[in-house]
Amino acid sequence: MYKYLEPYAAMVEFLGKALGDNVEIALHDLTSKEQEIVAIANNHNSGREIGAKLSNLSMHYLDDKQYLDHDYVLNYKTTGPDGKLMRAATYFIKEEGKELPVGMLCVNVNISDFEYLTSTIKKILGIKDEKDIEDEDSIIGEEEFIINYADLGIKPIQKQIETIDLDVNVYSNDIIGSISDVKSNDKIQYTWQYAPHGIVGWYAEITDENGGLTRSKVNYVNIDKQNIKPMIVIDDKESNLVSLGNSFDPLKNVKAYDSQGKDLTEQILVLGSVDVNNVGRYELIYKVSDSFGNVTIVPRIIEVVDKNNKVNVDLNYFFNKLIYKDE
């Protein structure tokens, strides 16, 4: 037994005696390969012994990572090997510094006798169980049933698919994209622009015109953007021509973004200067870096021209168009 679980093992017998014979207490060691029972009380309720493996339902709670948001799970029904009905609760035993729980303390209450007693009282009082109700005008309690759309004559014609950002919360409300006019059997593709760096999850929801909702399983993808350089964008190339004596702002119409779409404009460093009072060519260097340390450098030629000299203006305009012809 894992040493951290020893105090919990000492409580198993006490809880079994304190809570009564119909309450089974089982302690699982999750650090071992088999994740077996290492202490148990009142095992006549399930017939399990020390060394028995983890149940499928308990394995589901671990696979579903319930322990990340909860310390315990309460009031779920399960059955023992002999079919006895149990009302169960599970406490996740967590050790500081460990990513996964090191143990599970399970409390299983045998309610088969209670269910039998309830059924007997209903018969004495003339109250029917829901399972015995067939063609009745009224129903005591609740009844669940399924009706297929096809049985109602409804045919899905057009569907809407939406992908959801799952980085923080699997069922968050952050829609990263939408595709319309999707027909059955269509192949659907979506490009996630400025996707974040790291491991993220996503799922798709499809809603037909009648409100029917289908949700895909969660898919995970590892997005590596730490080697992608940021981008510097100069929107208006004609702003590279400055009239003699006019003011000039080197950051006007200039933007910078990293590979995840974050605005880095305020982090742009401009090297060089432009003398607007003297005709000539001036070179500026724009430099920006992202959170990964990737650096982008973009040169820019600024022409200070005298509009009274038309030949000079035309030649400089042609020169700038030549420089940026491939952009």
C-alpha atoms as a PDB file:
ATOM      1  CA  MET A   1       0.000   0.000   0.000  1.00  0.00           C
ATOM      2  CA  TYR A   2       1.163   3.508  -0.838  1.00  0.00           C
ATOM      3  CA  LYS A   3       2.295   5.111   2.438  1.00  0.00           C
ATOM      4  CA  TYR A   4       0.192   8.268   1.983  1.00  0.00           C
ATOM      5  CA  LEU A   5      -2.954   6.079   2.078  1.00  0.00           C
ATOM      6  CA  GLU A   6      -2.221   4.413   5.439  1.00  0.00           C
ATOM      7  CA  PRO A   7      -4.251   6.954   7.522  1.00  0.00           C
ATOM      8  CA  TYR A   8      -7.218   6.444   5.184  1.00  0.00           C
ATOM      9  CA  ALA A   9      -6.923   2.646   5.478  1.00  0.00           C
ATOM     10  CA  ALA A  10      -7.205   2.969   9.263  1.00  0.00           C
ATOM     11  CA  MET A  11     -10.555   4.752   8.846  1.00  0.00           C
ATOM     12  CA  VAL A  12     -12.135   2.095   6.610  1.00  0.00           C
ATOM     13  CA  GLU A  13     -13.051  -0.358   9.419  1.00  0.00           C
ATOM     14  CA  PHE A  14     -14.257   2.503  11.654  1.00  0.00           C
ATOM     15  CA  LEU A  15     -16.549   3.930   8.958  1.00  0.00           C
ATOM     16  CA  GLY A  16     -17.931   0.468   8.185  1.00  0.00           C
ATOM     17  CA  LYS A  17     -18.936  -0.087  11.798  1.00  0.00           C
ATOM     18  CA  ALA A  18     -20.175   3.458  12.340  1.00  0.00           C
ATOM     19  CA  LEU A  19     -22.371   3.601   9.230  1.00  0.00           C
ATOM     20  CA  GLY A  20     -23.854   0.107   9.465  1.00  0.00           C
ATOM     21  CA  ASP A  21     -23.704  -3.297   7.782  1.00  0.00           C
ATOM     22  CA  ASN A  22     -25.422  -2.130   4.616  1.00  0.00           C
ATOM     23  CA  VAL A  23     -22.645   0.415   3.869  1.00  0.00           C
ATOM     24  CA  GLU A  24     -19.513  -0.863   2.142  1.00  0.00           C
ATOM     25  CA  ILE A  25     -16.295   1.179   2.452  1.00  0.00           C
ATOM     26  CA  ALA A  26     -13.482   0.479  -0.035  1.00  0.00           C
ATOM     27  CA  LEU A  27     -10.081   2.117  -0.423  1.00  0.00           C
ATOM     28  CA  HIS A  28      -8.295   1.882  -3.805  1.00  0.00           C
ATOM     29  CA  ASP A  29      -4.560   2.446  -4.278  1.00  0.00           C
ATOM     30  CA  LEU A  30      -4.268   4.307  -7.611  1.00  0.00           C
ATOM     31  CA  THR A  31      -0.465   4.341  -7.536  1.00  0.00           C
ATOM     32  CA  SER A  32      -0.300   0.591  -8.239  1.00  0.00           C
ATOM     33  CA  LYS A  33      -0.654  -0.942 -11.690  1.00  0.00           C
ATOM     34  CA  GLU A  34      -3.899  -2.758 -10.874  1.00  0.00           C
ATOM     35  CA  GLN A  35      -5.343   0.146  -8.824  1.00  0.00           C
ATOM     36  CA  GLU A  36      -6.725  -2.532  -6.506  1.00  0.00           C
ATOM     37  CA  ILE A  37      -8.624  -2.429  -3.214  1.00  0.00           C
ATOM     38  CA  VAL A  38      -6.209  -2.263  -0.268  1.00  0.00           C
ATOM     39  CA  ALA A  39      -8.785  -1.979   2.531  1.00  0.00           C
ATOM     40  CA  ILE A  40     -12.492  -2.836   2.657  1.00  0.00           C
ATOM     41  CA  ALA A  41     -15.298  -3.076   5.231  1.00  0.00           C
ATOM     42  CA  ASN A  42     -18.717  -4.747   4.949  1.00  0.00           C
ATOM     43  CA  ASN A  43     -17.697  -6.437   1.721  1.00  0.00           C
ATOM     44  CA  HIS A  44     -20.677  -8.822   1.964  1.00  0.00           C
ATOM     45  CA  ASN A  45     -22.637  -6.126   0.126  1.00  0.00           C
ATOM     46  CA  SER A  46     -20.645  -6.563  -3.105  1.00  0.00           C
ATOM     47  CA  GLY A  47     -18.648  -9.734  -2.522  1.00  0.00           C
ATOM     48  CA  ARG A  48     -15.406  -7.951  -3.389  1.00  0.00           C
ATOM     49  CA  GLU A  49     -12.149  -8.712  -1.591  1.00  0.00           C
ATOM     50  CA  ILE A  50      -8.815  -6.965  -1.045  1.00  0.00           C
ATOM     51  CA  GLY A  51      -7.017  -7.018  -4.384  1.00  0.00           C
ATOM     52  CA  ALA A  52     -10.171  -6.477  -6.465  1.00  0.00           C
ATOM     53  CA  LYS A  53      -9.651  -4.135  -9.407  1.00  0.00           C
ATOM     54  CA  LEU A  54     -11.193  -0.701  -9.917  1.00  0.00           C
ATOM     55  CA  SER A  55     -14.770  -0.753 -11.257  1.00  0.00           C
ATOM     56  CA  ASN A  56     -15.521   0.444 -14.792  1.00  0.00           C
ATOM     57  CA  LEU A  57     -17.513   3.406 -13.441  1.00  0.00           C
ATOM     58  CA  SER A  58     -14.625   4.522 -11.213  1.00  0.00           C
ATOM     59  CA  MET A  59     -12.243   4.182 -14.185  1.00  0.00           C
ATOM     60  CA  HIS A  60     -14.623   6.396 -16.173  1.00  0.00           C
ATOM     61  CA  TYR A  61     -14.410   9.128 -13.503  1.00  0.00           C
ATOM     62  CA  LEU A  62     -10.598   9.002 -13.754  1.00  0.00           C
ATOM     63  CA  ASP A  63     -10.564   9.006 -17.571  1.00  0.00           C
ATOM     64  CA  ASP A  64     -13.020  11.920 -17.535  1.00  0.00           C
ATOM     65  CA  LYS A  65     -10.693  13.767 -15.093  1.00  0.00           C
ATOM     66  CA  GLN A  66     -13.521  14.559 -12.676  1.00  0.00           C
ATOM     67  CA  TYR A  67     -10.884  15.074  -9.979  1.00  0.00           C
ATOM     68  CA  LEU A  68      -9.642  18.278 -11.635  1.00  0.00           C
ATOM     69  CA  ASP A  69     -12.792  20.215 -10.749  1.00  0.00           C
ATOM     70  CA  HIS A  70     -14.198  18.141  -7.886  1.00  0.00           C
ATOM     71  CA  ASP A  71     -12.902  16.564  -4.683  1.00  0.00           C
ATOM     72  CA  TYR A  72     -15.665  13.966  -4.703  1.00  0.00           C
ATOM     73  CA  VAL A  73     -18.642  12.563  -6.662  1.00  0.00           C
ATOM     74  CA  LEU A  74     -21.939  11.971  -4.838  1.00  0.00           C
ATOM     75  CA  ASN A  75     -25.229  10.082  -5.190  1.00  0.00           C
ATOM     76  CA  TYR A  76     -24.754   7.936  -8.273  1.00  0.00           C
ATOM     77  CA  LYS A  77     -26.331   4.513  -8.615  1.00  0.00           C
ATOM     78  CA  THR A  78     -24.437   1.330  -9.383  1.00  0.00           C
ATOM     79  CA  THR A  79     -24.944  -2.414  -8.993  1.00  0.00           C
ATOM     80  CA  GLY A  80     -22.887  -5.108  -7.317  1.00  0.00           C
ATOM     81  CA  PRO A  81     -21.847  -8.408  -8.948  1.00  0.00           C
ATOM     82  CA  ASP A  82     -25.027 -10.084  -7.659  1.00  0.00           C
ATOM     83  CA  GLY A  83     -27.258  -7.308  -8.985  1.00  0.00           C
ATOM     84  CA  LYS A  84     -27.759  -5.467  -5.694  1.00  0.00           C
ATOM     85  CA  LEU A  85     -28.608  -1.804  -6.184  1.00  0.00           C
ATOM     86  CA  MET A  86     -26.124   0.610  -4.575  1.00  0.00           C
ATOM     87  CA  ARG A  87     -26.112   4.360  -4.007  1.00  0.00           C
ATOM     88  CA  ALA A  88     -22.468   5.358  -4.179  1.00  0.00           C
ATOM     89  CA  ALA A  89     -20.053   8.212  -3.494  1.00  0.00           C
ATOM     90  CA  THR A  90     -16.344   8.536  -4.273  1.00  0.00           C
ATOM     91  CA  TYR A  91     -13.726  10.763  -2.647  1.00  0.00           C
ATOM     92  CA  PHE A  92     -10.528  11.515  -4.621  1.00  0.00           C
ATOM     93  CA  ILE A  93      -7.450  11.351  -2.387  1.00  0.00           C
ATOM     94  CA  LYS A  94      -4.934  13.914  -3.642  1.00  0.00           C
ATOM     95  CA  GLU A  95      -1.336  14.326  -2.543  1.00  0.00           C
ATOM     96  CA  GLU A  96       0.320  17.717  -2.924  1.00  0.00           C
ATOM     97  CA  GLY A  97       2.733  17.751  -5.850  1.00  0.00           C
ATOM     98  CA  LYS A  98       1.013  14.809  -7.604  1.00  0.00           C
ATOM     99  CA  GLU A  99      -0.831  15.414 -10.859  1.00  0.00           C
ATOM    100  CA  LEU A 100      -3.152  12.425 -10.436  1.00  0.00           C
ATOM    101  CA  PRO A 101      -5.078  11.230  -7.342  1.00  0.00           C
ATOM    102  CA  VAL A 102      -3.188   8.601  -5.345  1.00  0.00           C
ATOM    103  CA  GLY A 103      -6.317   6.904  -4.055  1.00  0.00           C
ATOM    104  CA  MET A 104     -10.113   6.706  -4.066  1.00  0.00           C
ATOM    105  CA  LEU A 105     -12.298   6.189  -0.998  1.00  0.00           C
ATOM    106  CA  CYS A 106     -15.599   4.657  -2.129  1.00  0.00           C
ATOM    107  CA  VAL A 107     -18.791   4.491  -0.055  1.00  0.00           C
ATOM    108  CA  ASN A 108     -21.461   2.112  -1.411  1.00  0.00           C
ATOM    109  CA  VAL A 109     -24.854   2.007   0.327  1.00  0.00           C
ATOM    110  CA  ASN A 110     -26.907  -1.142  -0.332  1.00  0.00           C
ATOM    111  CA  ILE A 111     -30.389   0.191  -1.073  1.00  0.00           C
ATOM    112  CA  SER A 112     -31.867  -3.041  -2.474  1.00  0.00           C
ATOM    113  CA  ASP A 113     -33.800  -3.653   0.771  1.00  0.00           C
ATOM    114  CA  PHE A 114     -35.009  -0.057   0.745  1.00  0.00           C
ATOM    115  CA  GLU A 115     -36.238  -0.415  -2.843  1.00  0.00           C
ATOM    116  CA  TYR A 116     -38.037  -3.644  -1.879  1.00  0.00           C
ATOM    117  CA  LEU A 117     -39.648  -1.930   1.123  1.00  0.00           C
ATOM    118  CA  THR A 118     -40.733   1.020  -1.021  1.00  0.00           C
ATOM    119  CA  SER A 119     -42.292  -1.304  -3.591  1.00  0.00           C
ATOM    120  CA  THR A 120     -44.162  -3.213  -0.866  1.00  0.00           C
ATOM    121  CA  ILE A 121     -45.585  -0.014   0.662  1.00  0.00           C
ATOM    122  CA  LYS A 122     -46.755   1.145  -2.782  1.00  0.00           C
ATOM    123  CA  LYS A 123     -48.595  -2.136  -3.298  1.00  0.00           C
ATOM    124  CA  ILE A 124     -50.289  -1.843   0.105  1.00  0.00           C
ATOM    125  CA  LEU A 125     -51.373   1.728  -0.690  1.00  0.00           C
ATOM    126  CA  GLY A 126     -52.428   0.845  -4.235  1.00  0.00           C
ATOM    127  CA  ILE A 127     -49.813   3.059  -5.871  1.00  0.00           C
ATOM    128  CA  LYS A 128     -48.464   1.709  -9.162  1.00  0.00           C
ATOM    129  CA  ASP A 129     -44.789   1.766 -10.023  1.00  0.00           C
ATOM    130  CA  GLU A 130     -43.935   3.655 -13.209  1.00  0.00           C
ATOM    131  CA  LYS A 131     -42.649   0.455 -14.785  1.00  0.00           C
ATOM    132  CA  ASP A 132     -46.124  -1.109 -14.321  1.00  0.00           C
ATOM    133  CA  ILE A 133     -47.952   1.760 -16.042  1.00  0.00           C
ATOM    134  CA  GLU A 134     -49.016   1.016 -19.598  1.00  0.00           C
ATOM    135  CA  ASP A 135     -51.996   2.813 -21.134  1.00  0.00           C
ATOM    136  CA  GLU A 136     -52.902   5.289 -18.387  1.00  0.00           C
ATOM    137  CA  ASP A 137     -54.328   8.770 -18.844  1.00  0.00           C
ATOM    138  CA  SER A 138     -52.042  10.135 -16.130  1.00  0.00           C
ATOM    139  CA  ILE A 139     -48.541   9.213 -14.987  1.00  0.00           C
ATOM    140  CA  ILE A 140     -47.258   9.418 -11.419  1.00  0.00           C
ATOM    141  CA  GLY A 141     -43.643  10.568 -11.468  1.00  0.00           C
ATOM    142  CA  GLU A 142     -41.574  11.034 -14.609  1.00  0.00           C
ATOM    143  CA  GLU A 143     -41.228   8.988 -17.758  1.00  0.00           C
ATOM    144  CA  GLU A 144     -38.455   9.194 -20.330  1.00  0.00           C
ATOM    145  CA  PHE A 145     -38.929   8.106 -23.926  1.00  0.00           C
ATOM    146  CA  ILE A 146     -37.331   8.756 -27.313  1.00  0.00           C
ATOM    147  CA  ILE A 147     -39.114   9.815 -30.500  1.00  0.00           C
ATOM    148  CA  ASN A 148     -37.088   9.835 -33.714  1.00  0.00           C
ATOM    149  CA  TYR A 149     -37.407  12.804 -36.059  1.00  0.00           C
ATOM    150  CA  ALA A 150     -38.212  10.370 -38.888  1.00  0.00           C
ATOM    151  CA  ASP A 151     -41.287   9.151 -36.974  1.00  0.00           C
ATOM    152  CA  LEU A 152     -42.575  12.740 -36.972  1.00  0.00           C
ATOM    153  CA  GLY A 153     -41.927  13.214 -40.676  1.00  0.00           C
ATOM    154  CA  ILE A 154     -39.061  15.664 -40.082  1.00  0.00           C
ATOM    155  CA  LYS A 155     -36.123  15.552 -42.486  1.00  0.00           C
ATOM    156  CA  PRO A 156     -32.960  17.565 -41.707  1.00  0.00           C
ATOM    157  CA  ILE A 157     -32.194  19.709 -44.752  1.00  0.00           C
ATOM    158  CA  GLN A 158     -29.567  22.256 -43.791  1.00  0.00           C
ATOM    159  CA  LYS A 159     -27.154  22.202 -40.890  1.00  0.00           C
ATOM    160  CA  GLN A 160     -24.910  24.670 -39.143  1.00  0.00           C
ATOM    161  CA  ILE A 161     -21.528  23.679 -37.748  1.00  0.00           C
ATOM    162  CA  GLU A 162     -19.629  25.687 -35.157  1.00  0.00           C
ATOM    163  CA  THR A 163     -16.215  24.943 -33.693  1.00  0.00           C
ATOM    164  CA  ILE A 164     -15.625  25.859 -30.064  1.00  0.00           C
ATOM    165  CA  ASP A 165     -12.395  26.905 -28.363  1.00  0.00           C
ATOM    166  CA  LEU A 166     -11.678  24.380 -25.610  1.00  0.00           C
ATOM    167  CA  ASP A 167      -8.430  25.736 -24.234  1.00  0.00           C
ATOM    168  CA  VAL A 168      -9.933  26.707 -20.900  1.00  0.00           C
ATOM    169  CA  ASN A 169     -13.343  25.095 -20.767  1.00  0.00           C
ATOM    170  CA  VAL A 170     -14.543  22.242 -22.945  1.00  0.00           C
ATOM    171  CA  TYR A 171     -17.996  23.774 -23.114  1.00  0.00           C
ATOM    172  CA  SER A 172     -17.034  27.433 -23.318  1.00  0.00           C
ATOM    173  CA  ASN A 173     -19.002  29.987 -25.323  1.00  0.00           C
ATOM    174  CA  ASP A 174     -16.020  31.133 -27.408  1.00  0.00           C
ATOM    175  CA  ILE A 175     -16.905  30.243 -30.995  1.00  0.00           C
ATOM    176  CA  ILE A 176     -13.773  30.263 -33.152  1.00  0.00           C
ATOM    177  CA  GLY A 177     -15.506  29.758 -36.468  1.00  0.00           C
ATOM    178  CA  SER A 178     -18.731  28.931 -38.265  1.00  0.00           C
ATOM    179  CA  ILE A 179     -19.584  27.167 -41.536  1.00  0.00           C
ATOM    180  CA  SER A 180     -22.997  27.653 -43.161  1.00  0.00           C
ATOM    181  CA  ASP A 181     -24.990  25.823 -45.836  1.00  0.00           C
ATOM    182  CA  VAL A 182     -23.685  22.393 -44.875  1.00  0.00           C
ATOM    183  CA  LYS A 183     -25.503  19.419 -46.391  1.00  0.00           C
ATOM    184  CA  SER A 184     -25.435  15.829 -45.227  1.00  0.00           C
ATOM    185  CA  ASN A 185     -22.311  13.895 -46.333  1.00  0.00           C
ATOM    186  CA  ASP A 186     -20.455  17.143 -47.093  1.00  0.00           C
ATOM    187  CA  LYS A 187     -16.757  17.264 -46.267  1.00  0.00           C
ATOM    188  CA  ILE A 188     -16.224  20.192 -43.892  1.00  0.00           C
ATOM    189  CA  GLN A 189     -12.976  22.130 -43.511  1.00  0.00           C
ATOM    190  CA  TYR A 190     -12.172  25.201 -41.466  1.00  0.00           C
ATOM    191  CA  THR A 191      -8.927  27.168 -41.128  1.00  0.00           C
ATOM    192  CA  TRP A 192      -8.357  28.539 -37.637  1.00  0.00           C
ATOM    193  CA  GLN A 193      -6.477  31.778 -38.225  1.00  0.00           C
ATOM    194  CA  TYR A 194      -4.279  32.969 -35.356  1.00  0.00           C
ATOM    195  CA  ALA A 195      -4.737  29.728 -33.414  1.00  0.00           C
ATOM    196  CA  PRO A 196      -2.973  29.835 -30.025  1.00  0.00           C
ATOM    197  CA  HIS A 197       0.313  28.098 -29.297  1.00  0.00           C
ATOM    198  CA  GLY A 198       0.204  24.855 -27.301  1.00  0.00           C
ATOM    199  CA  ILE A 199      -2.157  21.912 -26.863  1.00  0.00           C
ATOM    200  CA  VAL A 200      -5.776  22.930 -27.402  1.00  0.00           C
ATOM    201  CA  GLY A 201      -9.001  21.038 -27.792  1.00  0.00           C
ATOM    202  CA  TRP A 202     -11.987  21.649 -30.011  1.00  0.00           C
ATOM    203  CA  TYR A 203     -15.321  20.095 -30.835  1.00  0.00           C
ATOM    204  CA  ALA A 204     -18.015  20.783 -33.402  1.00  0.00           C
ATOM    205  CA  GLU A 205     -21.724  21.322 -32.913  1.00  0.00           C
ATOM    206  CA  ILE A 206     -24.260  20.694 -35.671  1.00  0.00           C
ATOM    207  CA  THR A 207     -27.751  22.146 -35.345  1.00  0.00           C
ATOM    208  CA  ASP A 208     -30.489  21.402 -37.859  1.00  0.00           C
ATOM    209  CA  GLU A 209     -33.380  23.701 -38.655  1.00  0.00           C
ATOM    210  CA  ASN A 210     -35.578  21.982 -36.068  1.00  0.00           C
ATOM    211  CA  GLY A 211     -33.143  22.610 -33.216  1.00  0.00           C
ATOM    212  CA  GLY A 212     -31.698  19.085 -33.182  1.00  0.00           C
ATOM    213  CA  LEU A 213     -28.156  19.257 -31.763  1.00  0.00           C
ATOM    214  CA  THR A 214     -25.269  16.882 -32.397  1.00  0.00           C
ATOM    215  CA  ARG A 215     -21.874  17.392 -30.760  1.00  0.00           C
ATOM    216  CA  SER A 216     -18.653  15.692 -31.867  1.00  0.00           C
ATOM    217  CA  LYS A 217     -16.107  14.196 -29.518  1.00  0.00           C
ATOM    218  CA  VAL A 218     -13.338  16.451 -28.217  1.00  0.00           C
ATOM    219  CA  ASN A 219     -10.268  16.532 -30.465  1.00  0.00           C
ATOM    220  CA  TYR A 220      -6.868  17.726 -29.281  1.00  0.00           C
ATOM    221  CA  VAL A 221      -4.105  19.245 -31.403  1.00  0.00           C
ATOM    222  CA  ASN A 222      -0.596  20.446 -30.551  1.00  0.00           C
ATOM    223  CA  ILE A 223       0.044  23.789 -32.270  1.00  0.00           C
ATOM    224  CA  ASP A 224       3.732  24.787 -32.385  1.00  0.00           C
ATOM    225  CA  LYS A 225       4.207  28.472 -33.153  1.00  0.00           C
ATOM    226  CA  GLN A 226       7.343  29.265 -31.203  1.00  0.00           C
ATOM    227  CA  ASN A 227       9.489  29.463 -34.370  1.00  0.00           C
ATOM    228  CA  ILE A 228       7.103  31.597 -36.451  1.00  0.00           C
ATOM    229  CA  LYS A 229       8.260  35.210 -36.718  1.00  0.00           C
ATOM    230  CA  PRO A 230       5.910  38.145 -36.119  1.00  0.00           C
ATOM    231  CA  MET A 231       4.631  40.221 -39.037  1.00  0.00           C
ATOM    232  CA  ILE A 232       5.004  43.955 -39.752  1.00  0.00           C
ATOM    233  CA  VAL A 233       2.387  45.431 -42.089  1.00  0.00           C
ATOM    234  CA  ILE A 234       2.640  48.834 -43.803  1.00  0.00           C
ATOM    235  CA  ASP A 235      -0.854  49.426 -45.181  1.00  0.00           C
ATOM    236  CA  ASP A 236      -0.248  52.432 -47.432  1.00  0.00           C
ATOM    237  CA  LYS A 237       2.922  52.279 -49.557  1.00  0.00           C
ATOM    238  CA  GLU A 238       2.213  55.726 -51.048  1.00  0.00           C
ATOM    239  CA  SER A 239       2.849  57.182 -47.581  1.00  0.00           C
ATOM    240  CA  ASN A 240       6.545  56.570 -48.346  1.00  0.00           C
ATOM    241  CA  LEU A 241       6.439  59.856 -50.273  1.00  0.00           C
ATOM    242  CA  VAL A 242       6.566  62.934 -48.006  1.00  0.00           C
ATOM    243  CA  SER A 243       6.169  66.482 -49.285  1.00  0.00           C
ATOM    244  CA  LEU A 244       8.959  68.872 -48.365  1.00  0.00           C
ATOM    245  CA  GLY A 245       8.205  70.582 -45.054  1.00  0.00           C
ATOM    246  CA  ASN A 246       5.259  68.362 -44.127  1.00  0.00           C
ATOM    247  CA  SER A 247       5.123  66.358 -40.909  1.00  0.00           C
ATOM    248  CA  PHE A 248       5.841  62.620 -40.989  1.00  0.00           C
ATOM    249  CA  ASP A 249       4.797  59.923 -38.487  1.00  0.00           C
ATOM    250  CA  PRO A 250       6.858  56.734 -39.021  1.00  0.00           C
ATOM    251  CA  LEU A 251       4.208  54.593 -37.253  1.00  0.00           C
ATOM    252  CA  LYS A 252       1.185  55.846 -39.176  1.00  0.00           C
ATOM    253  CA  ASN A 253      -0.522  52.942 -41.022  1.00  0.00           C
ATOM    254  CA  VAL A 254       2.028  50.505 -39.552  1.00  0.00           C
ATOM    255  CA  LYS A 255       0.881  47.435 -37.617  1.00  0.00           C
ATOM    256  CA  ALA A 256       2.590  44.372 -36.149  1.00  0.00           C
ATOM    257  CA  TYR A 257       1.123  41.003 -35.108  1.00  0.00           C
ATOM    258  CA  ASP A 258       2.536  37.778 -33.689  1.00  0.00           C
ATOM    259  CA  SER A 259       1.690  34.303 -35.020  1.00  0.00           C
ATOM    260  CA  GLN A 260      -1.298  34.089 -32.671  1.00  0.00           C
ATOM    261  CA  GLY A 261      -2.829  37.379 -33.825  1.00  0.00           C
ATOM    262  CA  LYS A 262      -1.739  39.451 -30.823  1.00  0.00           C
ATOM    263  CA  ASP A 263      -1.235  43.137 -31.658  1.00  0.00           C
ATOM    264  CA  LEU A 264       2.457  44.063 -31.195  1.00  0.00           C
ATOM    265  CA  THR A 265       2.221  47.552 -32.715  1.00  0.00           C
ATOM    266  CA  GLU A 266       3.174  49.316 -29.504  1.00  0.00           C
ATOM    267  CA  GLN A 267       6.347  47.210 -29.330  1.00  0.00           C
ATOM    268  CA  ILE A 268       7.679  48.306 -32.735  1.00  0.00           C
ATOM    269  CA  LEU A 269      11.125  49.881 -32.561  1.00  0.00           C
ATOM    270  CA  VAL A 270      11.953  52.378 -35.346  1.00  0.00           C
ATOM    271  CA  LEU A 271      15.628  52.972 -36.168  1.00  0.00           C
ATOM    272  CA  GLY A 272      16.657  55.970 -38.285  1.00  0.00           C
ATOM    273  CA  SER A 273      15.094  59.365 -38.905  1.00  0.00           C
ATOM    274  CA  VAL A 274      13.612  61.487 -41.699  1.00  0.00           C
ATOM    275  CA  ASP A 275      14.476  65.164 -42.236  1.00  0.00           C
ATOM    276  CA  VAL A 276      11.308  66.589 -43.798  1.00  0.00           C
ATOM    277  CA  ASN A 277      13.057  69.881 -44.485  1.00  0.00           C
ATOM    278  CA  ASN A 278      15.582  68.382 -46.902  1.00  0.00           C
ATOM    279  CA  VAL A 279      14.803  66.549 -50.148  1.00  0.00           C
ATOM    280  CA  GLY A 280      16.304  63.066 -50.246  1.00  0.00           C
ATOM    281  CA  ARG A 281      16.008  59.339 -49.536  1.00  0.00           C
ATOM    282  CA  TYR A 282      15.930  58.175 -45.913  1.00  0.00           C
ATOM    283  CA  GLU A 283      16.078  54.600 -44.682  1.00  0.00           C
ATOM    284  CA  LEU A 284      14.115  53.465 -41.647  1.00  0.00           C
ATOM    285  CA  ILE A 285      14.390  50.078 -39.971  1.00  0.00           C
ATOM    286  CA  TYR A 286      11.335  48.602 -38.212  1.00  0.00           C
ATOM    287  CA  LYS A 287      12.009  45.943 -35.605  1.00  0.00           C
ATOM    288  CA  VAL A 288       9.623  43.902 -33.439  1.00  0.00           C
ATOM    289  CA  SER A 289       9.923  40.733 -31.336  1.00  0.00           C
ATOM    290  CA  ASP A 290       7.306  38.324 -29.922  1.00  0.00           C
ATOM    291  CA  SER A 291       7.038  36.447 -26.617  1.00  0.00           C
ATOM    292  CA  PHE A 292       9.133  33.563 -28.009  1.00  0.00           C
ATOM    293  CA  GLY A 293      12.025  35.885 -28.870  1.00  0.00           C
ATOM    294  CA  ASN A 294      11.452  35.746 -32.641  1.00  0.00           C
ATOM    295  CA  VAL A 295      12.534  39.001 -34.313  1.00  0.00           C
ATOM    296  CA  THR A 296      11.314  40.559 -37.555  1.00  0.00           C
ATOM    297  CA  ILE A 297      13.187  43.420 -39.261  1.00  0.00           C
ATOM    298  CA  VAL A 298      11.685  45.374 -42.158  1.00  0.00           C
ATOM    299  CA  PRO A 299      13.509  48.166 -44.023  1.00  0.00           C
ATOM    300  CA  ARG A 300      11.569  51.131 -45.433  1.00  0.00           C
ATOM    301  CA  ILE A 301      12.670  53.898 -47.810  1.00  0.00           C
ATOM    302  CA  ILE A 302      11.075  57.317 -47.264  1.00  0.00           C
ATOM    303  CA  GLU A 303      11.384  59.949 -50.025  1.00  0.00           C
ATOM    304  CA  VAL A 304      11.136  63.632 -49.123  1.00  0.00           C
ATOM    305  CA  VAL A 305      10.159  65.363 -52.360  1.00  0.00           C
ATOM    306  CA  ASP A 306       9.525  68.912 -53.546  1.00  0.00           C
ATOM    307  CA  LYS A 307       6.080  68.998 -55.190  1.00  0.00           C
ATOM    308  CA  ASN A 308       7.111  72.091 -57.136  1.00  0.00           C
ATOM    309  CA  ASN A 309       9.590  69.918 -59.011  1.00  0.00           C
ATOM    310  CA  LYS A 310       7.310  67.591 -61.014  1.00  0.00           C
ATOM    311  CA  VAL A 311      10.138  65.583 -62.551  1.00  0.00           C
ATOM    312  CA  ASN A 312      11.501  64.847 -59.107  1.00  0.00           C
ATOM    313  CA  VAL A 313       8.075  63.759 -57.824  1.00  0.00           C
ATOM    314  CA  ASP A 314       7.347  61.459 -60.757  1.00  0.00           C
ATOM    315  CA  LEU A 315      10.761  59.768 -60.590  1.00  0.00           C
ATOM    316  CA  ASN A 316      10.511  59.177 -56.835  1.00  0.00           C
ATOM    317  CA  TYR A 317       6.978  57.803 -57.148  1.00  0.00           C
ATOM    318  CA  PHE A 318       8.220  55.401 -59.830  1.00  0.00           C
ATOM    319  CA  PHE A 319      11.187  54.438 -57.652  1.00  0.00           C
ATOM    320  CA  ASN A 320       8.938  53.511 -54.691  1.00  0.00           C
ATOM    321  CA  LYS A 321       6.580  51.496 -56.892  1.00  0.00           C
ATOM    322  CA  LEU A 322       9.626  49.605 -58.172  1.00  0.00           C
ATOM    323  CA  ILE A 323      10.804  48.806 -54.647  1.00  0.00           C
ATOM    324  CA  TYR A 324       7.446  47.399 -53.541  1.00  0.00           C
ATOM    325  CA  LYS A 325       6.379  45.771 -56.785  1.00  0.00           C
ATOM    326  CA  ASP A 326       6.564  42.258 -55.294  1.00  0.00           C
ATOM    327  CA  GLU A 327       4.539  43.062 -52.196  1.00  0.00           C
END
